Amino acid sequence: MQRLQPLQTHPEFSIFHTGSSHEYRVENWHLARNGSGVVIRHATPWSWKYSFIPLMISVSWPKVLSTFTGPLARIILCLAAIFFIWTRCTQVIHESVIVLPEHGIQLETHKGLPPFTLFINRRFVPYTMLRDIVINEGIKRWDIRYYLVALKEGTAGGVALDVCFPSILPHFPILLQVYRDLHEFIAIQQVPSTLSQSHPRKIKL
């Protein structure tokens, strides 16, 4: 496997080349925009501070039992602990666009507790349904963000949209690099079909 990092200002973006696929991966962190080189992480691993949470629960549990005799307080405490663990274990670690030559593209979102992936969401778009790759812009809160979209055939002859990197929404230079490479792959896939249509194979009877 060959790994490339074509954008020096965006080291969170990597390209992995193998014999059967090409992966465009964006990790859930980026460098500070002020040029200080500080890494801003949006997915944090398990910290030693979290070890105090079971200790606090074990200390406060007898007090909860003595103060609140009903089951409501226990249920709330258990739900809070479950919610905390769930939010830690469902962080977005990285998102990828995987190009499978002669087949299509696969969009993946990896979630878990960094650096361990626990859940993977996959969406496959075959070349027969893929119509185009475009860069669009939208409003997110008070900011205008660019995002990469795969246009594919929908139901009843319509067009459906699949957003690439939907959770991370990387910056425009990354989207532009992926956009150009995907268009090259799409053009390569269209050439054999065009040749087969213009030069049909003759069958001897």
N, C-alpha and C. Protein backbone atom coordinates (compact mmCIF):
# COMPACT_ATOMS: atom_id res chain seq x y z
N MET A 1 0.84 -1.19 0.00
CA MET A 1 0.00 0.00 0.00
C MET A 1 0.88 1.25 0.00
N GLN A 2 0.55 2.16 -0.87
CA GLN A 2 1.28 3.42 -0.99
C GLN A 2 0.43 4.56 -0.43
N ARG A 3 1.03 5.35 0.47
CA ARG A 3 0.32 6.47 1.08
C ARG A 3 0.93 7.78 0.61
N LEU A 4 0.07 8.69 0.17
CA LEU A 4 0.49 10.01 -0.28
C LEU A 4 -0.25 11.07 0.52
N GLN A 5 0.43 12.18 0.79
CA GLN A 5 -0.17 13.36 1.41
C GLN A 5 0.11 14.56 0.51
N PRO A 6 -0.73 14.76 -0.50
CA PRO A 6 -0.42 15.75 -1.54
C PRO A 6 -0.54 17.20 -1.09
N LEU A 7 -1.25 17.48 0.00
CA LEU A 7 -1.47 18.86 0.44
C LEU A 7 -0.73 19.09 1.75
N GLN A 8 0.33 19.89 1.70
CA GLN A 8 1.13 20.14 2.90
C GLN A 8 0.36 20.91 3.96
N THR A 9 -0.54 21.78 3.54
CA THR A 9 -1.31 22.57 4.50
C THR A 9 -2.48 21.79 5.11
N HIS A 10 -2.73 20.60 4.58
CA HIS A 10 -3.82 19.77 5.10
C HIS A 10 -3.30 18.34 5.30
N PRO A 11 -2.48 18.13 6.33
CA PRO A 11 -1.92 16.78 6.55
C PRO A 11 -2.95 15.76 7.01
N GLU A 12 -4.16 16.20 7.33
CA GLU A 12 -5.20 15.24 7.71
C GLU A 12 -5.74 14.48 6.51
N PHE A 13 -5.35 14.89 5.31
CA PHE A 13 -5.82 14.27 4.07
C PHE A 13 -4.75 13.35 3.52
N SER A 14 -5.12 12.11 3.24
CA SER A 14 -4.19 11.12 2.70
C SER A 14 -4.84 10.35 1.57
N ILE A 15 -3.99 9.87 0.66
CA ILE A 15 -4.43 9.03 -0.45
C ILE A 15 -3.70 7.70 -0.35
N PHE A 16 -4.45 6.60 -0.33
CA PHE A 16 -3.88 5.27 -0.25
C PHE A 16 -4.13 4.55 -1.57
N HIS A 17 -3.05 4.10 -2.18
CA HIS A 17 -3.14 3.37 -3.45
C HIS A 17 -2.79 1.90 -3.21
N THR A 18 -3.66 1.02 -3.64
CA THR A 18 -3.39 -0.41 -3.64
C THR A 18 -3.59 -0.93 -5.06
N GLY A 19 -3.40 -2.22 -5.23
CA GLY A 19 -3.56 -2.78 -6.55
C GLY A 19 -4.99 -2.81 -7.04
N SER A 20 -5.95 -2.75 -6.11
CA SER A 20 -7.36 -2.89 -6.50
C SER A 20 -8.23 -1.71 -6.13
N SER A 21 -7.70 -0.71 -5.41
CA SER A 21 -8.53 0.41 -4.99
C SER A 21 -7.68 1.65 -4.73
N HIS A 22 -8.36 2.78 -4.63
CA HIS A 22 -7.73 4.06 -4.29
C HIS A 22 -8.61 4.74 -3.25
N GLU A 23 -8.04 4.99 -2.08
CA GLU A 23 -8.81 5.55 -0.97
C GLU A 23 -8.38 6.99 -0.70
N TYR A 24 -9.37 7.88 -0.60
CA TYR A 24 -9.15 9.28 -0.25
C TYR A 24 -9.71 9.46 1.17
N ARG A 25 -8.80 9.58 2.13
CA ARG A 25 -9.19 9.58 3.54
C ARG A 25 -8.95 10.95 4.17
N VAL A 26 -9.95 11.40 4.94
CA VAL A 26 -9.84 12.65 5.70
C VAL A 26 -10.06 12.30 7.16
N GLU A 27 -9.04 12.54 7.98
CA GLU A 27 -9.16 12.30 9.41
C GLU A 27 -9.81 13.49 10.10
N ASN A 28 -10.37 13.25 11.26
CA ASN A 28 -11.18 14.26 11.94
C ASN A 28 -10.32 15.17 12.82
N TRP A 29 -9.38 15.84 12.19
CA TRP A 29 -8.57 16.86 12.85
C TRP A 29 -8.00 17.77 11.78
N HIS A 30 -7.51 18.92 12.17
CA HIS A 30 -6.88 19.84 11.22
C HIS A 30 -5.94 20.77 11.96
N LEU A 31 -5.08 21.43 11.21
CA LEU A 31 -4.15 22.39 11.79
C LEU A 31 -4.86 23.72 12.02
N ALA A 32 -4.40 24.43 13.04
CA ALA A 32 -4.97 25.75 13.34
C ALA A 32 -4.71 26.70 12.17
N ARG A 33 -5.68 27.54 11.89
CA ARG A 33 -5.58 28.43 10.74
C ARG A 33 -4.61 29.59 10.96
N ASN A 34 -4.17 29.83 12.19
CA ASN A 34 -3.27 30.95 12.46
C ASN A 34 -1.82 30.63 12.13
N GLY A 35 -1.55 29.44 11.59
CA GLY A 35 -0.19 29.08 11.21
C GLY A 35 0.69 28.62 12.35
N SER A 36 0.14 28.40 13.52
CA SER A 36 0.94 27.97 14.67
C SER A 36 1.30 26.49 14.62
N GLY A 37 0.63 25.73 13.77
CA GLY A 37 0.88 24.30 13.68
C GLY A 37 0.20 23.48 14.76
N VAL A 38 -0.65 24.10 15.55
CA VAL A 38 -1.37 23.39 16.60
C VAL A 38 -2.44 22.49 15.98
N VAL A 39 -2.49 21.26 16.44
CA VAL A 39 -3.46 20.30 15.93
C VAL A 39 -4.76 20.44 16.71
N ILE A 40 -5.85 20.66 15.99
CA ILE A 40 -7.19 20.75 16.59
C ILE A 40 -7.92 19.45 16.29
N ARG A 41 -8.17 18.67 17.33
CA ARG A 41 -8.80 17.36 17.17
C ARG A 41 -10.28 17.45 17.52
N HIS A 42 -11.10 16.86 16.66
CA HIS A 42 -12.53 16.80 16.91
C HIS A 42 -12.97 15.44 17.44
N ALA A 43 -12.05 14.49 17.45
CA ALA A 43 -12.30 13.17 18.04
C ALA A 43 -11.16 12.89 19.02
N THR A 44 -11.48 12.78 20.29
CA THR A 44 -10.46 12.64 21.33
C THR A 44 -10.44 11.21 21.85
N PRO A 45 -9.25 10.67 22.11
CA PRO A 45 -9.17 9.32 22.68
C PRO A 45 -9.55 9.33 24.16
N TRP A 46 -9.54 8.15 24.75
CA TRP A 46 -9.87 8.03 26.17
C TRP A 46 -8.79 8.70 27.00
N SER A 47 -9.19 9.59 27.88
CA SER A 47 -8.26 10.35 28.70
C SER A 47 -8.22 9.78 30.11
N TRP A 48 -7.10 10.05 30.79
CA TRP A 48 -6.98 9.59 32.17
C TRP A 48 -8.01 10.28 33.08
N LYS A 49 -8.50 11.43 32.65
CA LYS A 49 -9.51 12.13 33.44
C LYS A 49 -10.81 11.35 33.51
N TYR A 50 -11.08 10.57 32.45
CA TYR A 50 -12.32 9.80 32.44
C TYR A 50 -12.29 8.67 33.47
N SER A 51 -11.10 8.32 33.97
CA SER A 51 -11.01 7.26 34.97
C SER A 51 -11.64 7.66 36.30
N PHE A 52 -11.78 8.96 36.51
CA PHE A 52 -12.40 9.42 37.75
C PHE A 52 -13.92 9.26 37.73
N ILE A 53 -14.49 9.05 36.56
CA ILE A 53 -15.95 8.93 36.48
C ILE A 53 -16.46 7.70 37.22
N PRO A 54 -15.89 6.49 37.00
CA PRO A 54 -16.36 5.35 37.81
C PRO A 54 -16.14 5.57 39.30
N LEU A 55 -15.03 6.25 39.67
CA LEU A 55 -14.79 6.53 41.09
C LEU A 55 -15.87 7.44 41.66
N MET A 56 -16.24 8.48 40.90
CA MET A 56 -17.28 9.39 41.36
C MET A 56 -18.63 8.69 41.49
N ILE A 57 -18.91 7.79 40.54
CA ILE A 57 -20.18 7.06 40.61
C ILE A 57 -20.21 6.13 41.82
N SER A 58 -19.09 5.45 42.08
CA SER A 58 -19.05 4.54 43.23
C SER A 58 -19.16 5.28 44.55
N VAL A 59 -18.61 6.51 44.60
CA VAL A 59 -18.70 7.29 45.83
C VAL A 59 -20.10 7.86 46.02
N SER A 60 -20.69 8.34 44.93
CA SER A 60 -22.00 9.00 45.04
C SER A 60 -23.16 8.01 45.06
N TRP A 61 -22.92 6.77 44.66
CA TRP A 61 -24.02 5.82 44.58
C TRP A 61 -24.68 5.54 45.93
N PRO A 62 -23.93 5.31 47.02
CA PRO A 62 -24.60 5.12 48.32
C PRO A 62 -25.40 6.34 48.77
N LYS A 63 -24.90 7.54 48.45
CA LYS A 63 -25.64 8.74 48.83
C LYS A 63 -26.94 8.85 48.03
N VAL A 64 -26.88 8.46 46.77
CA VAL A 64 -28.09 8.49 45.95
C VAL A 64 -29.12 7.52 46.49
N LEU A 65 -28.66 6.33 46.89
CA LEU A 65 -29.58 5.32 47.41
C LEU A 65 -30.21 5.76 48.72
N SER A 66 -29.42 6.45 49.55
CA SER A 66 -29.95 6.89 50.84
C SER A 66 -30.85 8.12 50.72
N THR A 67 -30.57 8.98 49.72
CA THR A 67 -31.35 10.21 49.58
C THR A 67 -32.62 9.97 48.79
N PHE A 68 -32.49 9.25 47.68
CA PHE A 68 -33.65 9.01 46.82
C PHE A 68 -34.00 7.53 46.88
N THR A 69 -35.12 7.27 47.46
CA THR A 69 -35.54 5.87 47.60
C THR A 69 -36.20 5.33 46.33
N GLY A 70 -36.71 6.22 45.50
CA GLY A 70 -37.36 5.79 44.27
C GLY A 70 -36.36 5.40 43.20
N PRO A 71 -36.83 4.74 42.15
CA PRO A 71 -35.93 4.30 41.07
C PRO A 71 -35.57 5.41 40.08
N LEU A 72 -36.21 6.59 40.17
CA LEU A 72 -35.99 7.62 39.17
C LEU A 72 -34.55 8.11 39.16
N ALA A 73 -33.98 8.36 40.33
CA ALA A 73 -32.60 8.86 40.40
C ALA A 73 -31.62 7.84 39.86
N ARG A 74 -31.85 6.58 40.16
CA ARG A 74 -30.95 5.54 39.66
C ARG A 74 -31.03 5.45 38.13
N ILE A 75 -32.25 5.56 37.62
CA ILE A 75 -32.41 5.49 36.16
C ILE A 75 -31.71 6.67 35.49
N ILE A 76 -31.85 7.87 36.07
CA ILE A 76 -31.21 9.05 35.48
C ILE A 76 -29.69 8.91 35.51
N LEU A 77 -29.14 8.42 36.63
CA LEU A 77 -27.70 8.25 36.73
C LEU A 77 -27.19 7.21 35.74
N CYS A 78 -27.91 6.11 35.58
CA CYS A 78 -27.50 5.08 34.62
C CYS A 78 -27.59 5.59 33.19
N LEU A 79 -28.65 6.33 32.87
CA LEU A 79 -28.79 6.87 31.52
C LEU A 79 -27.70 7.88 31.22
N ALA A 80 -27.31 8.69 32.21
CA ALA A 80 -26.23 9.66 31.99
C ALA A 80 -24.91 8.96 31.71
N ALA A 81 -24.63 7.87 32.45
CA ALA A 81 -23.40 7.12 32.21
C ALA A 81 -23.41 6.46 30.83
N ILE A 82 -24.56 5.89 30.45
CA ILE A 82 -24.67 5.25 29.13
C ILE A 82 -24.52 6.29 28.02
N PHE A 83 -25.12 7.45 28.21
CA PHE A 83 -25.02 8.50 27.20
C PHE A 83 -23.58 8.97 27.04
N PHE A 84 -22.85 9.11 28.14
CA PHE A 84 -21.45 9.54 28.06
C PHE A 84 -20.61 8.51 27.32
N ILE A 85 -20.78 7.24 27.65
CA ILE A 85 -20.00 6.20 26.97
C ILE A 85 -20.36 6.13 25.49
N TRP A 86 -21.64 6.30 25.17
CA TRP A 86 -22.08 6.25 23.78
C TRP A 86 -21.47 7.39 22.97
N THR A 87 -21.46 8.60 23.52
CA THR A 87 -20.88 9.73 22.80
C THR A 87 -19.38 9.57 22.60
N ARG A 88 -18.70 8.94 23.55
CA ARG A 88 -17.26 8.72 23.39
C ARG A 88 -16.97 7.65 22.34
N CYS A 89 -17.84 6.65 22.25
CA CYS A 89 -17.58 5.51 21.36
C CYS A 89 -18.17 5.69 19.96
N THR A 90 -18.83 6.79 19.70
CA THR A 90 -19.41 7.04 18.38
C THR A 90 -18.85 8.31 17.75
N GLN A 91 -17.63 8.68 18.12
CA GLN A 91 -16.98 9.83 17.49
C GLN A 91 -16.55 9.48 16.07
N VAL A 92 -16.60 10.45 15.19
CA VAL A 92 -16.15 10.24 13.81
C VAL A 92 -14.63 10.28 13.79
N ILE A 93 -14.01 9.17 13.43
CA ILE A 93 -12.55 9.08 13.39
C ILE A 93 -12.04 9.55 12.03
N HIS A 94 -12.58 9.01 10.96
CA HIS A 94 -12.22 9.48 9.62
C HIS A 94 -13.32 9.09 8.64
N GLU A 95 -13.29 9.76 7.49
CA GLU A 95 -14.22 9.47 6.41
C GLU A 95 -13.43 9.28 5.12
N SER A 96 -13.94 8.41 4.26
CA SER A 96 -13.19 8.04 3.06
C SER A 96 -14.10 7.97 1.85
N VAL A 97 -13.47 8.20 0.70
CA VAL A 97 -14.06 7.90 -0.60
C VAL A 97 -13.14 6.88 -1.26
N ILE A 98 -13.63 5.68 -1.47
CA ILE A 98 -12.83 4.59 -2.02
C ILE A 98 -13.26 4.34 -3.46
N VAL A 99 -12.31 4.43 -4.36
CA VAL A 99 -12.56 4.19 -5.78
C VAL A 99 -12.23 2.74 -6.09
N LEU A 100 -13.21 2.01 -6.57
CA LEU A 100 -13.02 0.62 -7.00
C LEU A 100 -13.13 0.58 -8.51
N PRO A 101 -12.00 0.52 -9.22
CA PRO A 101 -12.04 0.54 -10.68
C PRO A 101 -12.95 -0.55 -11.24
N GLU A 102 -13.70 -0.16 -12.27
CA GLU A 102 -14.64 -1.02 -12.98
C GLU A 102 -15.88 -1.36 -12.15
N HIS A 103 -15.98 -0.85 -10.94
CA HIS A 103 -17.14 -1.16 -10.10
C HIS A 103 -17.88 0.10 -9.66
N GLY A 104 -17.21 1.01 -8.99
CA GLY A 104 -17.87 2.22 -8.52
C GLY A 104 -17.08 2.87 -7.40
N ILE A 105 -17.75 3.70 -6.63
CA ILE A 105 -17.12 4.37 -5.49
C ILE A 105 -17.88 3.99 -4.23
N GLN A 106 -17.13 3.93 -3.14
CA GLN A 106 -17.73 3.59 -1.85
C GLN A 106 -17.43 4.71 -0.86
N LEU A 107 -18.47 5.20 -0.19
CA LEU A 107 -18.35 6.27 0.79
C LEU A 107 -18.42 5.65 2.18
N GLU A 108 -17.43 5.95 3.01
CA GLU A 108 -17.35 5.32 4.33
C GLU A 108 -17.20 6.38 5.42
N THR A 109 -17.83 6.11 6.56
CA THR A 109 -17.67 6.91 7.77
C THR A 109 -17.30 5.96 8.91
N HIS A 110 -16.13 6.17 9.50
CA HIS A 110 -15.64 5.31 10.58
C HIS A 110 -15.85 6.02 11.91
N LYS A 111 -16.54 5.35 12.82
CA LYS A 111 -16.81 5.90 14.15
C LYS A 111 -16.28 4.97 15.22
N GLY A 112 -15.92 5.55 16.35
CA GLY A 112 -15.43 4.75 17.46
C GLY A 112 -14.73 5.60 18.49
N LEU A 113 -13.88 4.95 19.27
CA LEU A 113 -13.06 5.63 20.28
C LEU A 113 -11.63 5.64 19.77
N PRO A 114 -11.12 6.80 19.33
CA PRO A 114 -9.79 6.84 18.71
C PRO A 114 -8.74 6.15 19.59
N PRO A 115 -7.89 5.32 18.96
CA PRO A 115 -7.78 5.08 17.51
C PRO A 115 -8.56 3.85 17.03
N PHE A 116 -9.50 3.36 17.81
CA PHE A 116 -10.20 2.12 17.47
C PHE A 116 -11.53 2.43 16.79
N THR A 117 -11.74 1.78 15.64
CA THR A 117 -13.00 1.91 14.91
C THR A 117 -13.97 0.85 15.40
N LEU A 118 -15.16 1.30 15.81
CA LEU A 118 -16.19 0.39 16.31
C LEU A 118 -17.37 0.25 15.36
N PHE A 119 -17.65 1.29 14.58
CA PHE A 119 -18.79 1.27 13.65
C PHE A 119 -18.34 1.84 12.31
N ILE A 120 -18.82 1.24 11.23
CA ILE A 120 -18.51 1.70 9.88
C ILE A 120 -19.81 1.80 9.09
N ASN A 121 -20.05 2.96 8.53
CA ASN A 121 -21.21 3.18 7.67
C ASN A 121 -20.73 3.24 6.22
N ARG A 122 -21.23 2.35 5.38
CA ARG A 122 -20.78 2.26 3.99
C ARG A 122 -21.94 2.52 3.05
N ARG A 123 -21.65 3.28 1.98
CA ARG A 123 -22.61 3.53 0.91
C ARG A 123 -21.90 3.32 -0.42
N PHE A 124 -22.41 2.40 -1.22
CA PHE A 124 -21.76 2.08 -2.49
C PHE A 124 -22.57 2.67 -3.64
N VAL A 125 -21.85 3.31 -4.57
CA VAL A 125 -22.47 3.90 -5.76
C VAL A 125 -21.81 3.25 -6.98
N PRO A 126 -22.49 2.36 -7.70
CA PRO A 126 -21.88 1.74 -8.88
C PRO A 126 -21.73 2.73 -10.02
N TYR A 127 -20.78 2.45 -10.89
CA TYR A 127 -20.54 3.34 -12.04
C TYR A 127 -21.76 3.42 -12.95
N THR A 128 -22.55 2.36 -12.99
CA THR A 128 -23.73 2.37 -13.86
C THR A 128 -24.78 3.37 -13.39
N MET A 129 -24.77 3.72 -12.10
CA MET A 129 -25.72 4.69 -11.56
C MET A 129 -25.10 6.07 -11.34
N LEU A 130 -23.78 6.14 -11.34
CA LEU A 130 -23.10 7.41 -11.08
C LEU A 130 -23.18 8.31 -12.30
N ARG A 131 -23.69 9.51 -12.12
CA ARG A 131 -23.84 10.45 -13.21
C ARG A 131 -22.78 11.55 -13.20
N ASP A 132 -22.41 12.04 -12.04
CA ASP A 132 -21.43 13.11 -12.00
C ASP A 132 -20.95 13.31 -10.57
N ILE A 133 -19.83 14.01 -10.43
CA ILE A 133 -19.29 14.44 -9.14
C ILE A 133 -19.20 15.96 -9.18
N VAL A 134 -19.82 16.63 -8.22
CA VAL A 134 -19.84 18.09 -8.22
C VAL A 134 -19.46 18.60 -6.84
N ILE A 135 -18.99 19.85 -6.81
CA ILE A 135 -18.74 20.56 -5.56
C ILE A 135 -19.83 21.61 -5.39
N ASN A 136 -20.53 21.53 -4.31
CA ASN A 136 -21.62 22.45 -4.03
C ASN A 136 -21.29 23.25 -2.77
N GLU A 137 -22.07 24.26 -2.50
CA GLU A 137 -21.87 25.05 -1.29
C GLU A 137 -23.20 25.18 -0.54
N GLY A 138 -23.09 25.24 0.76
CA GLY A 138 -24.27 25.38 1.60
C GLY A 138 -23.94 26.16 2.85
N ILE A 139 -24.96 26.49 3.60
CA ILE A 139 -24.81 27.27 4.82
C ILE A 139 -24.88 26.33 6.01
N LYS A 140 -23.84 26.38 6.85
CA LYS A 140 -23.80 25.62 8.10
C LYS A 140 -23.64 26.61 9.24
N ARG A 141 -24.71 26.79 9.99
CA ARG A 141 -24.76 27.79 11.05
C ARG A 141 -24.53 29.17 10.43
N TRP A 142 -23.40 29.82 10.80
CA TRP A 142 -23.11 31.15 10.26
C TRP A 142 -21.98 31.10 9.25
N ASP A 143 -21.69 29.93 8.72
CA ASP A 143 -20.56 29.76 7.81
C ASP A 143 -21.04 29.12 6.51
N ILE A 144 -20.37 29.47 5.43
CA ILE A 144 -20.64 28.86 4.13
C ILE A 144 -19.59 27.77 3.90
N ARG A 145 -20.03 26.55 3.72
CA ARG A 145 -19.13 25.41 3.55
C ARG A 145 -19.34 24.77 2.19
N TYR A 146 -18.24 24.27 1.64
CA TYR A 146 -18.28 23.51 0.40
C TYR A 146 -18.36 22.02 0.73
N TYR A 147 -19.04 21.27 -0.12
CA TYR A 147 -19.11 19.83 0.08
C TYR A 147 -19.15 19.13 -1.28
N LEU A 148 -18.64 17.90 -1.27
CA LEU A 148 -18.54 17.09 -2.48
C LEU A 148 -19.75 16.17 -2.56
N VAL A 149 -20.36 16.11 -3.74
CA VAL A 149 -21.60 15.35 -3.92
C VAL A 149 -21.46 14.40 -5.10
N ALA A 150 -21.92 13.17 -4.90
CA ALA A 150 -22.02 12.20 -5.99
C ALA A 150 -23.46 12.16 -6.47
N LEU A 151 -23.67 12.49 -7.73
CA LEU A 151 -25.01 12.45 -8.32
C LEU A 151 -25.24 11.07 -8.93
N LYS A 152 -26.33 10.43 -8.53
CA LYS A 152 -26.62 9.09 -9.03
C LYS A 152 -28.10 9.01 -9.40
N GLU A 153 -28.43 7.97 -10.14
CA GLU A 153 -29.81 7.75 -10.54
C GLU A 153 -30.66 7.40 -9.33
N GLY A 154 -31.78 8.10 -9.20
CA GLY A 154 -32.70 7.82 -8.12
C GLY A 154 -33.91 7.04 -8.59
N THR A 155 -34.89 6.98 -7.75
CA THR A 155 -36.12 6.28 -8.10
C THR A 155 -36.96 7.12 -9.06
N ALA A 156 -37.70 6.45 -9.91
CA ALA A 156 -38.61 7.09 -10.87
C ALA A 156 -37.88 8.04 -11.80
N GLY A 157 -36.62 7.69 -12.16
CA GLY A 157 -35.87 8.50 -13.10
C GLY A 157 -35.32 9.79 -12.56
N GLY A 158 -35.40 10.00 -11.25
CA GLY A 158 -34.87 11.21 -10.65
C GLY A 158 -33.38 11.10 -10.35
N VAL A 159 -32.86 12.12 -9.69
CA VAL A 159 -31.45 12.17 -9.33
C VAL A 159 -31.35 12.21 -7.81
N ALA A 160 -30.51 11.33 -7.25
CA ALA A 160 -30.27 11.29 -5.81
C ALA A 160 -28.87 11.82 -5.52
N LEU A 161 -28.69 12.33 -4.31
CA LEU A 161 -27.42 12.92 -3.90
C LEU A 161 -26.82 12.10 -2.77
N ASP A 162 -25.52 11.84 -2.88
CA ASP A 162 -24.76 11.22 -1.81
C ASP A 162 -23.60 12.15 -1.47
N VAL A 163 -23.61 12.70 -0.27
CA VAL A 163 -22.58 13.65 0.14
C VAL A 163 -21.34 12.87 0.59
N CYS A 164 -20.19 13.25 0.06
CA CYS A 164 -18.92 12.68 0.48
C CYS A 164 -18.40 13.44 1.71
N PHE A 165 -17.84 12.71 2.65
CA PHE A 165 -17.35 13.30 3.91
C PHE A 165 -18.44 14.12 4.60
N PRO A 166 -19.63 13.57 4.84
CA PRO A 166 -20.74 14.39 5.35
C PRO A 166 -20.55 14.90 6.76
N SER A 167 -19.81 14.19 7.60
CA SER A 167 -19.64 14.61 8.99
C SER A 167 -18.48 15.58 9.17
N ILE A 168 -17.38 15.35 8.46
CA ILE A 168 -16.20 16.20 8.63
C ILE A 168 -16.30 17.47 7.80
N LEU A 169 -16.83 17.37 6.58
CA LEU A 169 -16.91 18.52 5.66
C LEU A 169 -15.56 19.22 5.55
N PRO A 170 -14.58 18.57 4.90
CA PRO A 170 -13.23 19.15 4.81
C PRO A 170 -13.21 20.43 3.99
N HIS A 171 -12.06 21.11 4.07
CA HIS A 171 -11.92 22.40 3.40
C HIS A 171 -11.80 22.21 1.88
N PHE A 172 -11.97 23.32 1.18
CA PHE A 172 -12.08 23.30 -0.28
C PHE A 172 -10.86 22.68 -0.98
N PRO A 173 -9.60 22.95 -0.58
CA PRO A 173 -8.47 22.32 -1.29
C PRO A 173 -8.55 20.80 -1.31
N ILE A 174 -9.02 20.20 -0.23
CA ILE A 174 -9.16 18.74 -0.19
C ILE A 174 -10.25 18.28 -1.16
N LEU A 175 -11.37 18.98 -1.14
CA LEU A 175 -12.47 18.63 -2.03
C LEU A 175 -12.06 18.76 -3.49
N LEU A 176 -11.29 19.79 -3.80
CA LEU A 176 -10.86 20.00 -5.18
C LEU A 176 -9.94 18.87 -5.65
N GLN A 177 -9.04 18.41 -4.78
CA GLN A 177 -8.15 17.31 -5.14
C GLN A 177 -8.95 16.03 -5.41
N VAL A 178 -9.89 15.71 -4.54
CA VAL A 178 -10.71 14.51 -4.72
C VAL A 178 -11.59 14.66 -5.95
N TYR A 179 -12.13 15.84 -6.17
CA TYR A 179 -13.00 16.10 -7.33
C TYR A 179 -12.26 15.83 -8.64
N ARG A 180 -11.04 16.34 -8.75
CA ARG A 180 -10.28 16.16 -9.99
C ARG A 180 -9.93 14.69 -10.21
N ASP A 181 -9.51 14.01 -9.16
CA ASP A 181 -9.13 12.60 -9.32
C ASP A 181 -10.34 11.74 -9.66
N LEU A 182 -11.48 12.01 -9.02
CA LEU A 182 -12.67 11.22 -9.32
C LEU A 182 -13.13 11.41 -10.75
N HIS A 183 -13.01 12.63 -11.26
CA HIS A 183 -13.40 12.87 -12.64
C HIS A 183 -12.48 12.13 -13.61
N GLU A 184 -11.21 11.99 -13.26
CA GLU A 184 -10.30 11.21 -14.10
C GLU A 184 -10.72 9.74 -14.12
N PHE A 185 -11.07 9.20 -12.96
CA PHE A 185 -11.49 7.80 -12.90
C PHE A 185 -12.79 7.59 -13.67
N ILE A 186 -13.72 8.54 -13.55
CA ILE A 186 -14.99 8.42 -14.28
C ILE A 186 -14.75 8.46 -15.78
N ALA A 187 -13.85 9.35 -16.23
CA ALA A 187 -13.54 9.44 -17.65
C ALA A 187 -12.92 8.14 -18.17
N ILE A 188 -12.06 7.53 -17.35
CA ILE A 188 -11.44 6.27 -17.76
C ILE A 188 -12.49 5.17 -17.90
N GLN A 189 -13.47 5.16 -16.99
CA GLN A 189 -14.51 4.14 -17.05
C GLN A 189 -15.45 4.35 -18.23
N GLN A 190 -15.62 5.59 -18.65
CA GLN A 190 -16.52 5.87 -19.76
C GLN A 190 -15.91 5.55 -21.11
N VAL A 191 -14.59 5.51 -21.20
CA VAL A 191 -13.93 5.25 -22.48
C VAL A 191 -14.23 3.86 -23.00
N PRO A 192 -14.09 2.77 -22.18
CA PRO A 192 -14.40 1.45 -22.73
C PRO A 192 -15.85 1.31 -23.18
N SER A 193 -16.80 1.90 -22.40
CA SER A 193 -18.20 1.79 -22.80
C SER A 193 -18.46 2.54 -24.10
N THR A 194 -17.79 3.69 -24.28
CA THR A 194 -17.95 4.44 -25.51
C THR A 194 -17.40 3.69 -26.70
N LEU A 195 -16.24 3.04 -26.50
CA LEU A 195 -15.64 2.28 -27.59
C LEU A 195 -16.50 1.07 -27.95
N SER A 196 -17.08 0.43 -26.93
CA SER A 196 -17.90 -0.74 -27.22
C SER A 196 -19.17 -0.37 -27.97
N GLN A 197 -19.69 0.84 -27.71
CA GLN A 197 -20.89 1.27 -28.40
C GLN A 197 -20.59 1.71 -29.83
N SER A 198 -19.42 2.35 -30.03
CA SER A 198 -19.08 2.83 -31.37
C SER A 198 -18.51 1.73 -32.26
N HIS A 199 -17.91 0.70 -31.62
CA HIS A 199 -17.35 -0.42 -32.39
C HIS A 199 -17.92 -1.71 -31.84
N PRO A 200 -19.14 -2.06 -32.19
CA PRO A 200 -19.73 -3.30 -31.67
C PRO A 200 -18.99 -4.52 -32.20
N ARG A 201 -18.93 -5.54 -31.35
CA ARG A 201 -18.25 -6.77 -31.73
C ARG A 201 -19.11 -7.58 -32.69
N LYS A 202 -18.49 -8.09 -33.75
CA LYS A 202 -19.20 -8.90 -34.74
C LYS A 202 -19.21 -10.36 -34.31
N ILE A 203 -20.36 -10.96 -34.41
CA ILE A 203 -20.52 -12.37 -34.03
C ILE A 203 -20.78 -13.18 -35.30
N LYS A 204 -19.97 -14.19 -35.51
CA LYS A 204 -20.15 -15.06 -36.68
C LYS A 204 -21.22 -16.10 -36.38
N LEU A 205 -22.10 -16.28 -37.33
CA LEU A 205 -23.15 -17.28 -37.21
C LEU A 205 -22.76 -18.54 -37.94
